[in-house]
Amino acid sequence: MTDDPVFRFAPSPNGRLHLGHALSALTTFELAKRMGGRFLLRIEDIDLGRSRDAYVTGILEDLEWLGLTWEEPVLRQSTRFDAYLEAAARLEQQGLLYRCAATRAEIRAAAGADPARDPDGAPLYTPACGYKGQDPGDPPCVGHGTPTALRLDMAAAIARLRYLQGNALLTYDAWDGGDQIRDVEARPDRWGDAILIRKDIPASYHLAVVVDDAFQAVTHVTRGRDLEPATDLHVLLQALLGLPQPIYHHHRLIADTDGRKLSKSARDTTLCELRATGTTPADIRRAVDLA
């Protein structure tokens, strides 16, 4: 191990990569190369119901075709559930987690016709099942069956943060990818009582990514602007868990002609499909304006 900058590209194997992924992977790889840093590949496959080994193989093929190389072994999050539960237990010991079995439908009903929403567009969580504040080790709510999720008590978390930081603002370093780094104030409260351990999976994206960035000694997180709001929650978790805070670079997004961000769920054209039509890696670089 060295003190070199550490970058990572962390796709989810629930579909094939598209141009948006190419921009993110190439941007991260080129920044690592320019800074003399390390480039890691991480497979974010905590969602076992949607992840497929065939997609993992496809990710490796697409990245190799683009000319990227990375350190081995490749970390797979599906091997790290114990680490996520251990981190959740640490938050639990601080009195910051509680169980909730409320369904999405119940949350929507409790939120009313014009609810406040989190950055993902979901209604801010209201403890609709009346279970908030009870011990996470207790049985699930009366009237609900198992399983339950573990939520972060945001009000308690912010109070804990103020105690730890002496009322200092929660901030992070936002990097433009060039010479400028600015200090940004984080606003984790806009996420409400976020789920950290899902009902069906012993993890969540927010908790897993924070734990693994620390585990892999990542110093620079490079990802799309659509994930910029998530950084507020991530730096809060880093502070509560005593983990190092990386520098964050949120790059532009690739959109279609209607201005919509490319996505797997919309079945946007994949790199594999483009390759089959004779597209070259150089063409991809031009398409994402990295020629």
C-alpha atoms as a PDB file:
ATOM      1  CA  MET A   1       0.000   0.000   0.000  1.00  0.00           C
ATOM      2  CA  THR A   2       1.156   3.540  -0.749  1.00  0.00           C
ATOM      3  CA  ASP A   3      -0.055   7.067  -0.149  1.00  0.00           C
ATOM      4  CA  ASP A   4      -1.013   7.437  -3.817  1.00  0.00           C
ATOM      5  CA  PRO A   5      -4.539   8.713  -4.592  1.00  0.00           C
ATOM      6  CA  VAL A   6      -7.069   5.895  -4.836  1.00  0.00           C
ATOM      7  CA  PHE A   7      -9.983   6.056  -7.273  1.00  0.00           C
ATOM      8  CA  ARG A   8     -12.726   3.497  -7.901  1.00  0.00           C
ATOM      9  CA  PHE A   9     -15.406   2.706 -10.464  1.00  0.00           C
ATOM     10  CA  ALA A  10     -18.291   0.822  -8.866  1.00  0.00           C
ATOM     11  CA  PRO A  11     -21.037  -0.406 -11.225  1.00  0.00           C
ATOM     12  CA  SER A  12     -23.995  -2.586 -10.254  1.00  0.00           C
ATOM     13  CA  PRO A  13     -24.375  -5.839 -12.236  1.00  0.00           C
ATOM     14  CA  ASN A  14     -28.098  -5.490 -12.915  1.00  0.00           C
ATOM     15  CA  GLY A  15     -27.702  -4.685 -16.605  1.00  0.00           C
ATOM     16  CA  ARG A  16     -25.128  -3.906 -19.288  1.00  0.00           C
ATOM     17  CA  LEU A  17     -23.117  -0.693 -19.270  1.00  0.00           C
ATOM     18  CA  HIS A  18     -24.157   2.260 -21.463  1.00  0.00           C
ATOM     19  CA  LEU A  19     -22.556   5.563 -22.491  1.00  0.00           C
ATOM     20  CA  GLY A  20     -23.177   7.114 -19.084  1.00  0.00           C
ATOM     21  CA  HIS A  21     -21.159   4.349 -17.452  1.00  0.00           C
ATOM     22  CA  ALA A  22     -18.435   4.805 -20.071  1.00  0.00           C
ATOM     23  CA  LEU A  23     -18.155   8.498 -19.184  1.00  0.00           C
ATOM     24  CA  SER A  24     -17.893   7.717 -15.472  1.00  0.00           C
ATOM     25  CA  ALA A  25     -15.377   4.880 -15.899  1.00  0.00           C
ATOM     26  CA  LEU A  26     -13.200   6.793 -18.354  1.00  0.00           C
ATOM     27  CA  THR A  27     -13.308   9.976 -16.267  1.00  0.00           C
ATOM     28  CA  THR A  28     -12.284   8.097 -13.133  1.00  0.00           C
ATOM     29  CA  PHE A  29      -9.566   6.134 -14.925  1.00  0.00           C
ATOM     30  CA  GLU A  30      -8.076   9.216 -16.587  1.00  0.00           C
ATOM     31  CA  LEU A  31      -8.080  11.238 -13.354  1.00  0.00           C
ATOM     32  CA  ALA A  32      -6.328   8.394 -11.530  1.00  0.00           C
ATOM     33  CA  LYS A  33      -3.773   8.139 -14.325  1.00  0.00           C
ATOM     34  CA  ARG A  34      -3.172  11.891 -14.394  1.00  0.00           C
ATOM     35  CA  MET A  35      -2.590  11.997 -10.635  1.00  0.00           C
ATOM     36  CA  GLY A  36      -0.402   8.893 -10.565  1.00  0.00           C
ATOM     37  CA  GLY A  37      -3.031   7.126  -8.490  1.00  0.00           C
ATOM     38  CA  ARG A  38      -4.554   3.672  -8.230  1.00  0.00           C
ATOM     39  CA  PHE A  39      -7.713   2.623 -10.078  1.00  0.00           C
ATOM     40  CA  LEU A  40      -9.994   0.052  -8.450  1.00  0.00           C
ATOM     41  CA  LEU A  41     -13.026  -1.765  -9.786  1.00  0.00           C
ATOM     42  CA  ARG A  42     -15.760  -2.637  -7.303  1.00  0.00           C
ATOM     43  CA  ILE A  43     -18.882  -4.635  -8.131  1.00  0.00           C
ATOM     44  CA  GLU A  44     -21.828  -3.282  -6.146  1.00  0.00           C
ATOM     45  CA  ASP A  45     -23.943  -6.439  -6.087  1.00  0.00           C
ATOM     46  CA  ILE A  46     -25.721  -6.226  -2.738  1.00  0.00           C
ATOM     47  CA  ASP A  47     -29.079  -6.578  -4.514  1.00  0.00           C
ATOM     48  CA  LEU A  48     -28.843 -10.334  -4.979  1.00  0.00           C
ATOM     49  CA  GLY A  49     -32.261 -10.513  -6.596  1.00  0.00           C
ATOM     50  CA  ARG A  50     -31.237  -8.297  -9.523  1.00  0.00           C
ATOM     51  CA  SER A  51     -27.516  -8.982  -9.832  1.00  0.00           C
ATOM     52  CA  ARG A  52     -26.341 -11.503 -12.416  1.00  0.00           C
ATOM     53  CA  ASP A  53     -22.932 -13.069 -12.960  1.00  0.00           C
ATOM     54  CA  ALA A  54     -23.466 -12.620 -16.692  1.00  0.00           C
ATOM     55  CA  TYR A  55     -23.625  -8.859 -16.131  1.00  0.00           C
ATOM     56  CA  VAL A  56     -20.398  -8.972 -14.106  1.00  0.00           C
ATOM     57  CA  THR A  57     -18.743 -10.700 -17.056  1.00  0.00           C
ATOM     58  CA  GLY A  58     -20.200  -8.074 -19.366  1.00  0.00           C
ATOM     59  CA  ILE A  59     -18.858  -5.241 -17.220  1.00  0.00           C
ATOM     60  CA  LEU A  60     -15.345  -6.677 -17.368  1.00  0.00           C
ATOM     61  CA  GLU A  61     -15.581  -7.179 -21.142  1.00  0.00           C
ATOM     62  CA  ASP A  62     -16.825  -3.623 -21.744  1.00  0.00           C
ATOM     63  CA  LEU A  63     -14.152  -2.012 -19.569  1.00  0.00           C
ATOM     64  CA  GLU A  64     -11.363  -4.084 -21.126  1.00  0.00           C
ATOM     65  CA  TRP A  65     -12.656  -3.106 -24.578  1.00  0.00           C
ATOM     66  CA  LEU A  66     -12.473   0.567 -23.552  1.00  0.00           C
ATOM     67  CA  GLY A  67      -8.825   0.026 -22.641  1.00  0.00           C
ATOM     68  CA  LEU A  68      -9.145   0.236 -18.869  1.00  0.00           C
ATOM     69  CA  THR A  69      -7.049  -1.780 -16.434  1.00  0.00           C
ATOM     70  CA  TRP A  70      -7.560  -2.170 -12.697  1.00  0.00           C
ATOM     71  CA  GLU A  71      -6.079  -3.777  -9.631  1.00  0.00           C
ATOM     72  CA  GLU A  72      -6.971  -7.320  -8.643  1.00  0.00           C
ATOM     73  CA  PRO A  73      -8.823  -8.735  -6.869  1.00  0.00           C
ATOM     74  CA  VAL A  74     -12.079  -6.992  -7.728  1.00  0.00           C
ATOM     75  CA  LEU A  75     -14.122  -6.399  -4.591  1.00  0.00           C
ATOM     76  CA  ARG A  76     -17.687  -7.738  -4.686  1.00  0.00           C
ATOM     77  CA  GLN A  77     -20.015  -6.215  -2.118  1.00  0.00           C
ATOM     78  CA  SER A  78     -21.968  -9.474  -1.797  1.00  0.00           C
ATOM     79  CA  THR A  79     -18.980 -10.805   0.192  1.00  0.00           C
ATOM     80  CA  ARG A  80     -19.122  -7.911   2.662  1.00  0.00           C
ATOM     81  CA  PHE A  81     -22.492  -8.182   4.401  1.00  0.00           C
ATOM     82  CA  ASP A  82     -20.860  -8.873   7.784  1.00  0.00           C
ATOM     83  CA  ALA A  83     -18.935  -5.602   7.523  1.00  0.00           C
ATOM     84  CA  TYR A  84     -22.138  -3.644   6.829  1.00  0.00           C
ATOM     85  CA  LEU A  85     -23.931  -5.256   9.766  1.00  0.00           C
ATOM     86  CA  GLU A  86     -20.964  -4.452  12.006  1.00  0.00           C
ATOM     87  CA  ALA A  87     -21.136  -0.790  10.953  1.00  0.00           C
ATOM     88  CA  ALA A  88     -24.888  -0.768  11.605  1.00  0.00           C
ATOM     89  CA  ALA A  89     -24.260  -2.255  15.049  1.00  0.00           C
ATOM     90  CA  ARG A  90     -21.896   0.625  15.833  1.00  0.00           C
ATOM     91  CA  LEU A  91     -24.611   3.120  14.924  1.00  0.00           C
ATOM     92  CA  GLU A  92     -27.086   1.087  16.946  1.00  0.00           C
ATOM     93  CA  GLN A  93     -24.822   1.335  19.983  1.00  0.00           C
ATOM     94  CA  GLN A  94     -24.996   5.120  19.597  1.00  0.00           C
ATOM     95  CA  GLY A  95     -28.805   4.943  19.719  1.00  0.00           C
ATOM     96  CA  LEU A  96     -29.120   6.101  16.110  1.00  0.00           C
ATOM     97  CA  LEU A  97     -31.042   3.220  14.505  1.00  0.00           C
ATOM     98  CA  TYR A  98     -34.581   1.921  14.905  1.00  0.00           C
ATOM     99  CA  ARG A  99     -36.626  -0.798  13.284  1.00  0.00           C
ATOM    100  CA  CYS A 100     -39.513  -0.103  10.937  1.00  0.00           C
ATOM    101  CA  ALA A 101     -41.752  -2.518   9.065  1.00  0.00           C
ATOM    102  CA  ALA A 102     -43.871   0.110   7.304  1.00  0.00           C
ATOM    103  CA  THR A 103     -44.433  -0.610   3.620  1.00  0.00           C
ATOM    104  CA  ARG A 104     -44.007   1.937   0.827  1.00  0.00           C
ATOM    105  CA  ALA A 105     -47.780   2.105   0.468  1.00  0.00           C
ATOM    106  CA  GLU A 106     -48.188   2.877   4.166  1.00  0.00           C
ATOM    107  CA  ILE A 107     -45.536   5.561   3.983  1.00  0.00           C
ATOM    108  CA  ARG A 108     -47.200   7.161   0.947  1.00  0.00           C
ATOM    109  CA  ALA A 109     -50.574   7.091   2.702  1.00  0.00           C
ATOM    110  CA  ALA A 110     -49.178   8.673   5.858  1.00  0.00           C
ATOM    111  CA  ALA A 111     -47.334  11.346   3.873  1.00  0.00           C
ATOM    112  CA  GLY A 112     -50.524  12.872   2.489  1.00  0.00           C
ATOM    113  CA  ALA A 113     -51.327  14.439  -0.868  1.00  0.00           C
ATOM    114  CA  ASP A 114     -48.412  16.883  -1.101  1.00  0.00           C
ATOM    115  CA  PRO A 115     -45.563  15.477   0.991  1.00  0.00           C
ATOM    116  CA  ALA A 116     -42.061  16.724   1.432  1.00  0.00           C
ATOM    117  CA  ARG A 117     -39.748  14.531  -0.624  1.00  0.00           C
ATOM    118  CA  ASP A 118     -36.179  13.340  -0.390  1.00  0.00           C
ATOM    119  CA  PRO A 119     -33.677  13.928  -3.219  1.00  0.00           C
ATOM    120  CA  ASP A 120     -34.740  10.660  -4.877  1.00  0.00           C
ATOM    121  CA  GLY A 121     -38.334  11.883  -5.035  1.00  0.00           C
ATOM    122  CA  ALA A 122     -39.740   9.569  -2.356  1.00  0.00           C
ATOM    123  CA  PRO A 123     -41.917  10.997   0.452  1.00  0.00           C
ATOM    124  CA  LEU A 124     -39.832  11.876   3.476  1.00  0.00           C
ATOM    125  CA  TYR A 125     -40.323   9.057   5.931  1.00  0.00           C
ATOM    126  CA  THR A 126     -42.973   9.469   8.611  1.00  0.00           C
ATOM    127  CA  PRO A 127     -42.993   6.772  11.329  1.00  0.00           C
ATOM    128  CA  ALA A 128     -46.380   5.552  10.116  1.00  0.00           C
ATOM    129  CA  CYS A 129     -46.306   2.317  12.093  1.00  0.00           C
ATOM    130  CA  GLY A 130     -45.754   4.061  15.405  1.00  0.00           C
ATOM    131  CA  TYR A 131     -42.610   2.055  16.108  1.00  0.00           C
ATOM    132  CA  LYS A 132     -40.040   4.796  16.009  1.00  0.00           C
ATOM    133  CA  GLY A 133     -37.758   4.974  19.006  1.00  0.00           C
ATOM    134  CA  GLN A 134     -38.106   1.414  20.231  1.00  0.00           C
ATOM    135  CA  ASP A 135     -35.052  -0.774  20.567  1.00  0.00           C
ATOM    136  CA  PRO A 136     -33.857  -2.381  17.299  1.00  0.00           C
ATOM    137  CA  GLY A 137     -33.658  -5.723  19.087  1.00  0.00           C
ATOM    138  CA  ASP A 138     -37.368  -5.731  19.954  1.00  0.00           C
ATOM    139  CA  PRO A 139     -39.926  -7.739  17.966  1.00  0.00           C
ATOM    140  CA  PRO A 140     -41.470  -6.081  14.899  1.00  0.00           C
ATOM    141  CA  CYS A 141     -44.457  -3.759  15.134  1.00  0.00           C
ATOM    142  CA  VAL A 142     -47.789  -5.093  16.246  1.00  0.00           C
ATOM    143  CA  GLY A 143     -49.886  -5.622  13.140  1.00  0.00           C
ATOM    144  CA  HIS A 144     -46.824  -6.054  10.955  1.00  0.00           C
ATOM    145  CA  GLY A 145     -44.882  -9.179  10.133  1.00  0.00           C
ATOM    146  CA  THR A 146     -41.201  -9.556   9.583  1.00  0.00           C
ATOM    147  CA  PRO A 147     -38.917  -8.518   8.060  1.00  0.00           C
ATOM    148  CA  THR A 148     -38.125  -5.002   9.234  1.00  0.00           C
ATOM    149  CA  ALA A 149     -35.711  -2.377   8.000  1.00  0.00           C
ATOM    150  CA  LEU A 150     -33.261  -0.408  10.106  1.00  0.00           C
ATOM    151  CA  ARG A 151     -33.597   3.343   9.706  1.00  0.00           C
ATOM    152  CA  LEU A 152     -31.269   6.133  10.763  1.00  0.00           C
ATOM    153  CA  ASP A 153     -32.893   8.455  13.293  1.00  0.00           C
ATOM    154  CA  MET A 154     -31.871  11.627  11.494  1.00  0.00           C
ATOM    155  CA  ALA A 155     -32.676  14.018  14.330  1.00  0.00           C
ATOM    156  CA  ALA A 156     -30.648  11.930  16.770  1.00  0.00           C
ATOM    157  CA  ALA A 157     -27.840  11.549  14.219  1.00  0.00           C
ATOM    158  CA  ILE A 158     -27.544  15.303  13.694  1.00  0.00           C
ATOM    159  CA  ALA A 159     -27.576  15.871  17.446  1.00  0.00           C
ATOM    160  CA  ARG A 160     -24.820  13.277  17.817  1.00  0.00           C
ATOM    161  CA  LEU A 161     -22.838  14.953  15.043  1.00  0.00           C
ATOM    162  CA  ARG A 162     -23.089  18.321  16.762  1.00  0.00           C
ATOM    163  CA  TYR A 163     -21.747  16.740  19.926  1.00  0.00           C
ATOM    164  CA  LEU A 164     -18.841  15.127  18.063  1.00  0.00           C
ATOM    165  CA  GLN A 165     -17.959  18.242  16.057  1.00  0.00           C
ATOM    166  CA  GLY A 166     -18.711  20.906  18.605  1.00  0.00           C
ATOM    167  CA  ASN A 167     -21.539  22.419  16.533  1.00  0.00           C
ATOM    168  CA  ALA A 168     -19.251  22.808  13.505  1.00  0.00           C
ATOM    169  CA  LEU A 169     -20.922  22.584  10.096  1.00  0.00           C
ATOM    170  CA  LEU A 170     -20.789  19.262   8.264  1.00  0.00           C
ATOM    171  CA  THR A 171     -18.885  19.910   5.034  1.00  0.00           C
ATOM    172  CA  TYR A 172     -16.987  18.050   2.341  1.00  0.00           C
ATOM    173  CA  ASP A 173     -14.432  18.845  -0.370  1.00  0.00           C
ATOM    174  CA  ALA A 174     -15.988  19.129  -3.827  1.00  0.00           C
ATOM    175  CA  TRP A 175     -13.399  18.865  -6.617  1.00  0.00           C
ATOM    176  CA  ASP A 176     -13.920  20.129 -10.161  1.00  0.00           C
ATOM    177  CA  GLY A 177     -11.494  17.554 -11.568  1.00  0.00           C
ATOM    178  CA  GLY A 178      -8.918  20.244 -12.208  1.00  0.00           C
ATOM    179  CA  ASP A 179      -7.279  22.716  -9.854  1.00  0.00           C
ATOM    180  CA  GLN A 180     -10.266  23.832  -7.800  1.00  0.00           C
ATOM    181  CA  ILE A 181     -11.589  22.299  -4.575  1.00  0.00           C
ATOM    182  CA  ARG A 182     -14.375  24.041  -2.705  1.00  0.00           C
ATOM    183  CA  ASP A 183     -15.901  23.438   0.701  1.00  0.00           C
ATOM    184  CA  VAL A 184     -19.577  22.416   0.470  1.00  0.00           C
ATOM    185  CA  GLU A 185     -22.023  22.333   3.353  1.00  0.00           C
ATOM    186  CA  ALA A 186     -23.831  18.995   3.576  1.00  0.00           C
ATOM    187  CA  ARG A 187     -27.562  18.804   4.280  1.00  0.00           C
ATOM    188  CA  PRO A 188     -28.236  15.200   5.307  1.00  0.00           C
ATOM    189  CA  ASP A 189     -31.560  16.136   6.931  1.00  0.00           C
ATOM    190  CA  ARG A 190     -33.168  16.305   3.475  1.00  0.00           C
ATOM    191  CA  TRP A 191     -32.962  12.501   3.377  1.00  0.00           C
ATOM    192  CA  GLY A 192     -35.129  12.056   6.463  1.00  0.00           C
ATOM    193  CA  ASP A 193     -34.818   8.773   8.352  1.00  0.00           C
ATOM    194  CA  ALA A 194     -32.976   6.902   5.613  1.00  0.00           C
ATOM    195  CA  ILE A 195     -32.917   3.106   5.473  1.00  0.00           C
ATOM    196  CA  LEU A 196     -29.444   1.727   6.230  1.00  0.00           C
ATOM    197  CA  ILE A 197     -30.332  -1.976   6.434  1.00  0.00           C
ATOM    198  CA  ARG A 198     -33.041  -3.057   4.021  1.00  0.00           C
ATOM    199  CA  LYS A 199     -35.798  -5.537   4.777  1.00  0.00           C
ATOM    200  CA  ASP A 200     -34.576  -7.970   2.135  1.00  0.00           C
ATOM    201  CA  ILE A 201     -30.826  -7.276   2.207  1.00  0.00           C
ATOM    202  CA  PRO A 202     -28.457  -6.835   5.194  1.00  0.00           C
ATOM    203  CA  ALA A 203     -27.204  -3.538   3.761  1.00  0.00           C
ATOM    204  CA  SER A 204     -28.217  -0.495   1.738  1.00  0.00           C
ATOM    205  CA  TYR A 205     -26.371   1.416  -0.967  1.00  0.00           C
ATOM    206  CA  HIS A 206     -25.664   4.328   1.369  1.00  0.00           C
ATOM    207  CA  LEU A 207     -24.145   2.250   4.149  1.00  0.00           C
ATOM    208  CA  ALA A 208     -22.270  -0.188   1.896  1.00  0.00           C
ATOM    209  CA  VAL A 209     -20.600   2.480  -0.213  1.00  0.00           C
ATOM    210  CA  VAL A 210     -19.363   4.384   2.846  1.00  0.00           C
ATOM    211  CA  VAL A 211     -17.995   1.258   4.524  1.00  0.00           C
ATOM    212  CA  ASP A 212     -16.266   0.017   1.366  1.00  0.00           C
ATOM    213  CA  ASP A 213     -14.750   3.368   0.401  1.00  0.00           C
ATOM    214  CA  ALA A 214     -13.059   3.358   3.812  1.00  0.00           C
ATOM    215  CA  PHE A 215     -12.100  -0.326   3.565  1.00  0.00           C
ATOM    216  CA  GLN A 216     -10.441   0.245   0.177  1.00  0.00           C
ATOM    217  CA  ALA A 217      -8.788   3.512   1.309  1.00  0.00           C
ATOM    218  CA  VAL A 218     -10.505   5.450  -1.485  1.00  0.00           C
ATOM    219  CA  THR A 219      -9.310   9.054  -1.484  1.00  0.00           C
ATOM    220  CA  HIS A 220     -11.286  10.384  -4.484  1.00  0.00           C
ATOM    221  CA  VAL A 221     -14.891   9.484  -5.288  1.00  0.00           C
ATOM    222  CA  THR A 222     -15.819  10.234  -8.891  1.00  0.00           C
ATOM    223  CA  ARG A 223     -19.466   9.774  -9.877  1.00  0.00           C
ATOM    224  CA  GLY A 224     -22.324  11.479 -11.692  1.00  0.00           C
ATOM    225  CA  ARG A 225     -24.097  14.617 -10.556  1.00  0.00           C
ATOM    226  CA  ASP A 226     -27.244  12.580  -9.954  1.00  0.00           C
ATOM    227  CA  LEU A 227     -25.493  11.150  -6.874  1.00  0.00           C
ATOM    228  CA  GLU A 228     -24.378  14.528  -5.536  1.00  0.00           C
ATOM    229  CA  PRO A 229     -27.249  14.737  -2.984  1.00  0.00           C
ATOM    230  CA  ALA A 230     -26.292  11.297  -1.637  1.00  0.00           C
ATOM    231  CA  THR A 231     -22.942  12.747  -0.598  1.00  0.00           C
ATOM    232  CA  ASP A 232     -24.711  14.662   2.176  1.00  0.00           C
ATOM    233  CA  LEU A 233     -25.826  11.406   3.770  1.00  0.00           C
ATOM    234  CA  HIS A 234     -22.520   9.672   3.102  1.00  0.00           C
ATOM    235  CA  VAL A 235     -20.390  12.283   4.844  1.00  0.00           C
ATOM    236  CA  LEU A 236     -22.771  12.165   7.820  1.00  0.00           C
ATOM    237  CA  LEU A 237     -22.269   8.399   8.097  1.00  0.00           C
ATOM    238  CA  GLN A 238     -18.510   8.832   7.763  1.00  0.00           C
ATOM    239  CA  ALA A 239     -18.501  11.303  10.639  1.00  0.00           C
ATOM    240  CA  LEU A 240     -20.685   9.080  12.854  1.00  0.00           C
ATOM    241  CA  LEU A 241     -18.593   5.979  12.132  1.00  0.00           C
ATOM    242  CA  GLY A 242     -15.234   7.753  12.423  1.00  0.00           C
ATOM    243  CA  LEU A 243     -14.318   6.982   8.801  1.00  0.00           C
ATOM    244  CA  PRO A 244     -12.101   9.115   6.531  1.00  0.00           C
ATOM    245  CA  GLN A 245     -13.841  11.457   4.135  1.00  0.00           C
ATOM    246  CA  PRO A 246     -12.776  11.281   0.466  1.00  0.00           C
ATOM    247  CA  ILE A 247     -12.691  14.193  -1.952  1.00  0.00           C
ATOM    248  CA  TYR A 248     -15.784  14.164  -4.184  1.00  0.00           C
ATOM    249  CA  HIS A 249     -15.983  14.901  -7.897  1.00  0.00           C
ATOM    250  CA  HIS A 250     -19.463  14.851  -9.452  1.00  0.00           C
ATOM    251  CA  HIS A 251     -19.145  14.827 -13.218  1.00  0.00           C
ATOM    252  CA  ARG A 252     -21.672  15.789 -15.882  1.00  0.00           C
ATOM    253  CA  LEU A 253     -24.266  13.293 -17.084  1.00  0.00           C
ATOM    254  CA  ILE A 254     -24.964  11.868 -20.532  1.00  0.00           C
ATOM    255  CA  ALA A 255     -28.524  12.569 -21.643  1.00  0.00           C
ATOM    256  CA  ASP A 256     -30.649  11.568 -24.622  1.00  0.00           C
ATOM    257  CA  THR A 257     -32.130  14.043 -27.099  1.00  0.00           C
ATOM    258  CA  ASP A 258     -35.008  14.745 -24.683  1.00  0.00           C
ATOM    259  CA  GLY A 259     -32.608  15.613 -21.858  1.00  0.00           C
ATOM    260  CA  ARG A 260     -33.278  12.388 -19.942  1.00  0.00           C
ATOM    261  CA  LYS A 261     -30.365  10.758 -18.137  1.00  0.00           C
ATOM    262  CA  LEU A 262     -29.367   7.439 -19.664  1.00  0.00           C
ATOM    263  CA  SER A 263     -30.354   4.433 -17.565  1.00  0.00           C
ATOM    264  CA  LYS A 264     -30.465   0.645 -17.589  1.00  0.00           C
ATOM    265  CA  SER A 265     -34.141   0.596 -16.666  1.00  0.00           C
ATOM    266  CA  ALA A 266     -35.021   2.574 -19.796  1.00  0.00           C
ATOM    267  CA  ARG A 267     -33.090   0.029 -21.889  1.00  0.00           C
ATOM    268  CA  ASP A 268     -30.794   2.640 -23.386  1.00  0.00           C
ATOM    269  CA  THR A 269     -28.328   1.378 -25.978  1.00  0.00           C
ATOM    270  CA  THR A 270     -25.543  -0.563 -24.311  1.00  0.00           C
ATOM    271  CA  LEU A 271     -21.821  -0.533 -25.017  1.00  0.00           C
ATOM    272  CA  CYS A 272     -22.143  -4.172 -26.083  1.00  0.00           C
ATOM    273  CA  GLU A 273     -24.752  -3.241 -28.688  1.00  0.00           C
ATOM    274  CA  LEU A 274     -22.640  -0.342 -29.926  1.00  0.00           C
ATOM    275  CA  ARG A 275     -19.602  -2.609 -30.196  1.00  0.00           C
ATOM    276  CA  ALA A 276     -21.619  -5.076 -32.282  1.00  0.00           C
ATOM    277  CA  THR A 277     -22.361  -2.319 -34.812  1.00  0.00           C
ATOM    278  CA  GLY A 278     -18.663  -1.600 -35.316  1.00  0.00           C
ATOM    279  CA  THR A 279     -18.310   1.267 -32.858  1.00  0.00           C
ATOM    280  CA  THR A 280     -14.738   1.634 -31.589  1.00  0.00           C
ATOM    281  CA  PRO A 281     -13.411   2.783 -28.197  1.00  0.00           C
ATOM    282  CA  ALA A 282     -12.299   5.987 -29.903  1.00  0.00           C
ATOM    283  CA  ASP A 283     -15.890   6.511 -31.084  1.00  0.00           C
ATOM    284  CA  ILE A 284     -17.078   6.087 -27.501  1.00  0.00           C
ATOM    285  CA  ARG A 285     -14.622   8.688 -26.267  1.00  0.00           C
ATOM    286  CA  ARG A 286     -15.881  11.130 -28.887  1.00  0.00           C
ATOM    287  CA  ALA A 287     -19.499  10.330 -28.012  1.00  0.00           C
ATOM    288  CA  VAL A 288     -18.957  11.227 -24.364  1.00  0.00           C
ATOM    289  CA  ASP A 289     -16.756  14.229 -25.290  1.00  0.00           C
ATOM    290  CA  LEU A 290     -13.529  12.755 -23.919  1.00  0.00           C
ATOM    291  CA  ALA A 291     -11.658  12.405 -27.201  1.00  0.00           C
END
